[in-house]
């Protein structure tokens, strides 16, 4: 069970699913990934790519060119995760109004902390 939690933590973090989504259309270079995922630092991009590669979700191909070229792409395992993430996004899109209403109802039902004095 601990390993399953570890995998879910990894693929459910802030950057992993975004990178999986960005890589879905095809291979991208590091600088392209950096451009397409706003807000990610160079350190976090490097770390997340390394972790996704360790888990077999993406592959890294280095070309012997001048200047050197490195591309990242989804593996079949990564494509399977993308399909699941797409389903989750679809579910969220279909139910966002209901979730928003539930949040509003819950928030308005909670007693205000400023009312106590």
N, C-alpha and C. Protein backbone atom coordinates (compact mmCIF):
# COMPACT_ATOMS: atom_id res chain seq x y z
N UNK A 1 0.81 -1.20 0.00
CA UNK A 1 0.00 0.00 0.00
C UNK A 1 0.86 1.26 0.00
N UNK A 2 2.00 1.22 0.67
CA UNK A 2 2.87 2.39 0.72
C UNK A 2 3.39 2.75 -0.66
N UNK A 3 3.72 1.74 -1.48
CA UNK A 3 4.23 2.02 -2.81
C UNK A 3 3.14 2.64 -3.69
N UNK A 4 1.92 2.17 -3.55
CA UNK A 4 0.80 2.75 -4.31
C UNK A 4 0.64 4.21 -3.95
N UNK A 5 0.70 4.53 -2.66
CA UNK A 5 0.61 5.93 -2.23
C UNK A 5 1.75 6.76 -2.82
N UNK A 6 2.95 6.16 -2.83
CA UNK A 6 4.11 6.85 -3.40
C UNK A 6 3.91 7.16 -4.89
N UNK A 7 3.38 6.20 -5.63
CA UNK A 7 3.12 6.41 -7.06
C UNK A 7 2.05 7.48 -7.26
N UNK A 8 1.00 7.42 -6.47
CA UNK A 8 -0.07 8.43 -6.59
C UNK A 8 0.44 9.82 -6.24
N UNK A 9 1.28 9.91 -5.21
CA UNK A 9 1.89 11.20 -4.87
C UNK A 9 2.71 11.73 -6.03
N UNK A 10 3.46 10.86 -6.67
CA UNK A 10 4.34 11.27 -7.77
C UNK A 10 3.52 11.77 -8.96
N UNK A 11 2.56 10.97 -9.42
CA UNK A 11 1.83 11.36 -10.64
C UNK A 11 0.78 12.43 -10.37
N UNK A 12 0.42 12.60 -9.11
CA UNK A 12 -0.60 13.59 -8.78
C UNK A 12 -0.03 14.91 -8.31
N UNK A 13 1.29 15.08 -8.40
CA UNK A 13 1.86 16.34 -7.94
C UNK A 13 1.55 17.47 -8.91
N UNK A 14 1.93 18.64 -8.54
CA UNK A 14 1.58 19.85 -9.29
C UNK A 14 2.08 19.83 -10.73
N UNK A 15 3.27 19.30 -10.97
CA UNK A 15 3.89 19.43 -12.29
C UNK A 15 3.79 18.19 -13.16
N UNK A 16 3.74 17.01 -12.58
CA UNK A 16 3.79 15.78 -13.37
C UNK A 16 2.66 15.68 -14.39
N UNK A 17 1.42 15.89 -13.94
CA UNK A 17 0.30 15.77 -14.87
C UNK A 17 0.34 16.85 -15.95
N UNK A 18 0.82 18.04 -15.59
CA UNK A 18 0.96 19.09 -16.61
C UNK A 18 1.97 18.68 -17.67
N UNK A 19 3.09 18.12 -17.25
CA UNK A 19 4.09 17.68 -18.22
C UNK A 19 3.58 16.52 -19.06
N UNK A 20 2.85 15.60 -18.46
CA UNK A 20 2.24 14.49 -19.21
C UNK A 20 1.29 15.06 -20.27
N UNK A 21 0.49 16.04 -19.89
CA UNK A 21 -0.46 16.65 -20.83
C UNK A 21 0.26 17.36 -21.97
N UNK A 22 1.30 18.10 -21.64
CA UNK A 22 2.04 18.86 -22.65
C UNK A 22 2.76 17.93 -23.63
N UNK A 23 3.20 16.78 -23.14
CA UNK A 23 3.94 15.84 -24.00
C UNK A 23 3.04 14.96 -24.85
N UNK A 24 1.74 15.00 -24.61
CA UNK A 24 0.83 14.10 -25.32
C UNK A 24 0.91 14.23 -26.85
N UNK A 25 0.97 15.43 -27.41
CA UNK A 25 1.01 15.52 -28.88
C UNK A 25 2.28 14.96 -29.52
N UNK A 26 3.38 14.93 -28.78
CA UNK A 26 4.61 14.40 -29.36
C UNK A 26 5.83 14.92 -28.63
N UNK A 27 7.01 14.55 -29.12
CA UNK A 27 8.27 14.91 -28.45
C UNK A 27 8.48 16.41 -28.36
N UNK A 28 9.07 16.83 -27.24
CA UNK A 28 9.41 18.24 -27.04
C UNK A 28 10.80 18.34 -26.43
N UNK A 29 11.45 19.44 -26.75
CA UNK A 29 12.74 19.73 -26.15
C UNK A 29 12.52 20.40 -24.79
N UNK A 30 13.57 20.42 -23.99
CA UNK A 30 13.52 20.98 -22.64
C UNK A 30 12.99 22.42 -22.66
N UNK A 31 13.53 23.26 -23.54
CA UNK A 31 13.11 24.66 -23.58
C UNK A 31 11.64 24.80 -24.00
N UNK A 32 11.17 23.90 -24.85
CA UNK A 32 9.75 23.92 -25.23
C UNK A 32 8.87 23.56 -24.04
N UNK A 33 9.32 22.59 -23.25
CA UNK A 33 8.57 22.22 -22.04
C UNK A 33 8.52 23.39 -21.07
N UNK A 34 9.65 24.05 -20.91
CA UNK A 34 9.72 25.20 -20.01
C UNK A 34 8.75 26.30 -20.44
N UNK A 35 8.66 26.52 -21.73
CA UNK A 35 7.74 27.55 -22.27
C UNK A 35 6.27 27.15 -22.09
N UNK A 36 5.97 25.87 -22.25
CA UNK A 36 4.58 25.43 -22.22
C UNK A 36 4.04 25.16 -20.83
N UNK A 37 4.91 25.16 -19.83
CA UNK A 37 4.47 24.97 -18.44
C UNK A 37 4.87 26.21 -17.65
N UNK A 38 4.07 27.27 -17.73
CA UNK A 38 4.43 28.51 -17.06
C UNK A 38 4.52 28.33 -15.55
N UNK A 39 5.51 28.98 -14.97
CA UNK A 39 5.67 28.96 -13.52
C UNK A 39 6.59 27.88 -13.01
N UNK A 40 6.95 26.91 -13.84
CA UNK A 40 7.83 25.85 -13.36
C UNK A 40 9.28 26.35 -13.42
N UNK A 41 9.99 26.15 -12.33
CA UNK A 41 11.40 26.57 -12.30
C UNK A 41 12.24 25.55 -13.05
N UNK A 42 13.42 25.96 -13.41
CA UNK A 42 14.34 25.06 -14.11
C UNK A 42 14.64 23.84 -13.24
N UNK A 43 14.84 24.08 -11.95
CA UNK A 43 15.12 22.98 -11.02
C UNK A 43 13.96 22.00 -10.94
N UNK A 44 12.73 22.51 -10.83
CA UNK A 44 11.56 21.62 -10.72
C UNK A 44 11.31 20.87 -12.02
N UNK A 45 11.55 21.54 -13.15
CA UNK A 45 11.37 20.86 -14.43
C UNK A 45 12.36 19.71 -14.55
N UNK A 46 13.61 19.97 -14.23
CA UNK A 46 14.64 18.93 -14.29
C UNK A 46 14.31 17.78 -13.35
N UNK A 47 13.94 18.09 -12.11
CA UNK A 47 13.61 17.07 -11.13
C UNK A 47 12.40 16.24 -11.56
N UNK A 48 11.35 16.91 -12.03
CA UNK A 48 10.13 16.21 -12.42
C UNK A 48 10.37 15.33 -13.64
N UNK A 49 11.12 15.85 -14.62
CA UNK A 49 11.44 15.03 -15.79
C UNK A 49 12.24 13.79 -15.38
N UNK A 50 13.19 13.97 -14.47
CA UNK A 50 14.00 12.84 -13.99
C UNK A 50 13.11 11.80 -13.31
N UNK A 51 12.18 12.24 -12.47
CA UNK A 51 11.30 11.31 -11.76
C UNK A 51 10.36 10.59 -12.72
N UNK A 52 9.79 11.32 -13.67
CA UNK A 52 8.90 10.70 -14.65
C UNK A 52 9.65 9.68 -15.50
N UNK A 53 10.90 9.98 -15.79
CA UNK A 53 11.74 9.05 -16.55
C UNK A 53 12.05 7.82 -15.72
N UNK A 54 12.37 8.00 -14.44
CA UNK A 54 12.66 6.87 -13.55
C UNK A 54 11.46 5.93 -13.46
N UNK A 55 10.26 6.50 -13.48
CA UNK A 55 9.05 5.70 -13.38
C UNK A 55 8.63 5.09 -14.71
N UNK A 56 9.33 5.45 -15.79
CA UNK A 56 9.02 4.90 -17.10
C UNK A 56 7.86 5.56 -17.81
N UNK A 57 7.49 6.78 -17.37
CA UNK A 57 6.36 7.48 -17.97
C UNK A 57 6.78 8.33 -19.17
N UNK A 58 8.02 8.75 -19.19
CA UNK A 58 8.56 9.48 -20.33
C UNK A 58 9.92 8.88 -20.70
N UNK A 59 10.32 9.17 -21.92
CA UNK A 59 11.66 8.77 -22.34
C UNK A 59 12.43 10.01 -22.76
N UNK A 60 13.73 9.91 -22.67
CA UNK A 60 14.64 11.01 -23.02
C UNK A 60 15.56 10.50 -24.12
N UNK A 61 15.61 11.24 -25.22
CA UNK A 61 16.49 10.88 -26.33
C UNK A 61 17.46 12.01 -26.58
N UNK A 62 18.75 11.70 -26.51
CA UNK A 62 19.81 12.68 -26.77
C UNK A 62 20.37 12.41 -28.17
N UNK A 63 20.43 13.45 -28.98
CA UNK A 63 20.95 13.34 -30.33
C UNK A 63 22.38 13.90 -30.37
N UNK A 64 23.26 13.19 -31.04
CA UNK A 64 24.66 13.61 -31.15
C UNK A 64 24.77 14.67 -32.25
N UNK A 65 24.38 15.87 -31.92
CA UNK A 65 24.41 16.99 -32.85
C UNK A 65 25.12 18.16 -32.18
N UNK A 66 25.46 19.14 -32.98
CA UNK A 66 26.02 20.38 -32.45
C UNK A 66 25.08 21.50 -32.87
N UNK A 67 24.44 22.20 -31.94
CA UNK A 67 24.46 21.94 -30.49
C UNK A 67 23.68 20.68 -30.15
N UNK A 68 23.96 20.09 -28.98
CA UNK A 68 23.25 18.86 -28.59
C UNK A 68 21.74 19.10 -28.51
N UNK A 69 20.99 18.08 -28.88
CA UNK A 69 19.53 18.17 -28.84
C UNK A 69 19.01 17.01 -28.00
N UNK A 70 18.12 17.32 -27.06
CA UNK A 70 17.50 16.30 -26.21
C UNK A 70 15.99 16.48 -26.32
N UNK A 71 15.28 15.37 -26.53
CA UNK A 71 13.83 15.41 -26.60
C UNK A 71 13.22 14.46 -25.58
N UNK A 72 12.06 14.85 -25.10
CA UNK A 72 11.30 14.04 -24.16
C UNK A 72 9.99 13.66 -24.83
N UNK A 73 9.56 12.44 -24.58
CA UNK A 73 8.30 11.96 -25.15
C UNK A 73 7.63 10.99 -24.18
N UNK A 74 6.32 10.83 -24.33
CA UNK A 74 5.61 9.87 -23.49
C UNK A 74 5.92 8.45 -23.92
N UNK A 75 6.03 7.57 -22.95
CA UNK A 75 6.13 6.14 -23.22
C UNK A 75 4.70 5.59 -23.28
N UNK A 76 4.53 4.33 -23.68
CA UNK A 76 3.18 3.75 -23.62
C UNK A 76 2.56 3.83 -22.22
N UNK A 77 3.37 3.65 -21.19
CA UNK A 77 2.88 3.76 -19.81
C UNK A 77 2.40 5.19 -19.54
N UNK A 78 3.15 6.18 -20.02
CA UNK A 78 2.77 7.58 -19.86
C UNK A 78 1.50 7.92 -20.62
N UNK A 79 1.34 7.32 -21.81
CA UNK A 79 0.11 7.55 -22.59
C UNK A 79 -1.11 7.01 -21.85
N UNK A 80 -0.93 5.88 -21.17
CA UNK A 80 -2.03 5.33 -20.37
C UNK A 80 -2.41 6.27 -19.24
N UNK A 81 -1.42 6.89 -18.60
CA UNK A 81 -1.69 7.86 -17.55
C UNK A 81 -2.39 9.09 -18.13
N UNK A 82 -1.98 9.50 -19.32
CA UNK A 82 -2.62 10.66 -19.96
C UNK A 82 -4.11 10.39 -20.19
N UNK A 83 -4.44 9.17 -20.62
CA UNK A 83 -5.86 8.82 -20.84
C UNK A 83 -6.65 8.94 -19.54
N UNK A 84 -6.06 8.48 -18.45
CA UNK A 84 -6.73 8.57 -17.14
C UNK A 84 -6.89 10.02 -16.72
N UNK A 85 -5.84 10.82 -16.90
CA UNK A 85 -5.89 12.24 -16.53
C UNK A 85 -6.93 12.97 -17.36
N UNK A 86 -7.04 12.62 -18.65
CA UNK A 86 -8.04 13.24 -19.51
C UNK A 86 -9.45 12.91 -19.02
N UNK A 87 -9.65 11.68 -18.58
CA UNK A 87 -10.95 11.29 -18.01
C UNK A 87 -11.26 12.10 -16.75
N UNK A 88 -10.26 12.29 -15.91
CA UNK A 88 -10.44 13.07 -14.69
C UNK A 88 -10.80 14.52 -15.01
N UNK A 89 -10.10 15.09 -15.98
CA UNK A 89 -10.40 16.46 -16.40
C UNK A 89 -11.82 16.54 -16.95
N UNK A 90 -12.23 15.56 -17.74
CA UNK A 90 -13.59 15.53 -18.27
C UNK A 90 -14.63 15.46 -17.17
N UNK A 91 -14.35 14.63 -16.15
CA UNK A 91 -15.27 14.53 -15.01
C UNK A 91 -15.38 15.88 -14.30
N UNK A 92 -14.22 16.52 -14.06
CA UNK A 92 -14.23 17.82 -13.39
C UNK A 92 -15.00 18.86 -14.21
N UNK A 93 -14.83 18.83 -15.52
CA UNK A 93 -15.54 19.78 -16.39
C UNK A 93 -17.05 19.52 -16.34
N UNK A 94 -17.44 18.27 -16.31
CA UNK A 94 -18.86 17.93 -16.30
C UNK A 94 -19.53 18.27 -14.97
N UNK A 95 -18.77 18.29 -13.89
CA UNK A 95 -19.36 18.46 -12.55
C UNK A 95 -18.93 19.74 -11.83
N UNK A 96 -18.23 20.63 -12.53
CA UNK A 96 -17.70 21.81 -11.82
C UNK A 96 -18.80 22.70 -11.24
N UNK A 97 -19.94 22.82 -11.93
CA UNK A 97 -21.03 23.64 -11.39
C UNK A 97 -21.57 23.05 -10.09
N UNK A 98 -21.77 21.76 -10.07
CA UNK A 98 -22.26 21.07 -8.88
C UNK A 98 -21.26 21.20 -7.72
N UNK A 99 -20.01 21.06 -8.00
CA UNK A 99 -18.98 21.18 -6.97
C UNK A 99 -18.93 22.61 -6.44
N UNK A 100 -19.02 23.57 -7.35
CA UNK A 100 -19.02 24.99 -6.94
C UNK A 100 -20.22 25.28 -6.03
N UNK A 101 -21.39 24.76 -6.38
CA UNK A 101 -22.59 24.96 -5.55
C UNK A 101 -22.41 24.32 -4.17
N UNK A 102 -21.85 23.12 -4.13
CA UNK A 102 -21.62 22.45 -2.85
C UNK A 102 -20.64 23.23 -1.98
N UNK A 103 -19.60 23.76 -2.59
CA UNK A 103 -18.64 24.56 -1.84
C UNK A 103 -19.30 25.81 -1.28
N UNK A 104 -20.08 26.47 -2.10
CA UNK A 104 -20.76 27.70 -1.65
C UNK A 104 -21.73 27.38 -0.51
N UNK A 105 -22.46 26.29 -0.63
CA UNK A 105 -23.42 25.90 0.40
C UNK A 105 -22.69 25.57 1.71
N UNK A 106 -21.60 24.87 1.63
CA UNK A 106 -20.83 24.51 2.81
C UNK A 106 -20.22 25.74 3.46
N UNK A 107 -19.67 26.64 2.64
CA UNK A 107 -19.06 27.85 3.16
C UNK A 107 -20.08 28.73 3.86
N UNK A 108 -21.28 28.87 3.26
CA UNK A 108 -22.30 29.74 3.86
C UNK A 108 -22.91 29.11 5.10
N UNK A 109 -22.82 27.79 5.26
CA UNK A 109 -23.39 27.12 6.42
C UNK A 109 -22.45 27.16 7.63
N UNK A 110 -21.17 27.44 7.40
CA UNK A 110 -20.21 27.49 8.51
C UNK A 110 -20.37 28.80 9.27
N UNK A 111 -20.33 28.72 10.61
CA UNK A 111 -20.43 29.96 11.40
C UNK A 111 -19.21 30.84 11.16
N UNK A 112 -19.45 32.11 11.10
CA UNK A 112 -18.37 33.08 10.89
C UNK A 112 -17.55 33.22 12.14
N UNK A 113 -16.24 33.21 12.00
CA UNK A 113 -15.37 33.39 13.17
C UNK A 113 -15.32 34.85 13.61
N UNK A 114 -15.68 35.77 12.71
CA UNK A 114 -15.67 37.19 13.09
C UNK A 114 -16.93 37.57 13.87
N UNK A 115 -17.96 36.73 13.80
CA UNK A 115 -19.20 37.05 14.50
C UNK A 115 -19.04 36.85 16.00
N UNK A 116 -18.08 36.03 16.40
CA UNK A 116 -17.85 35.81 17.83
C UNK A 116 -16.99 36.93 18.37
N UNK A 117 -17.46 37.57 19.41
CA UNK A 117 -16.64 38.63 20.02
C UNK A 117 -16.87 38.72 21.49
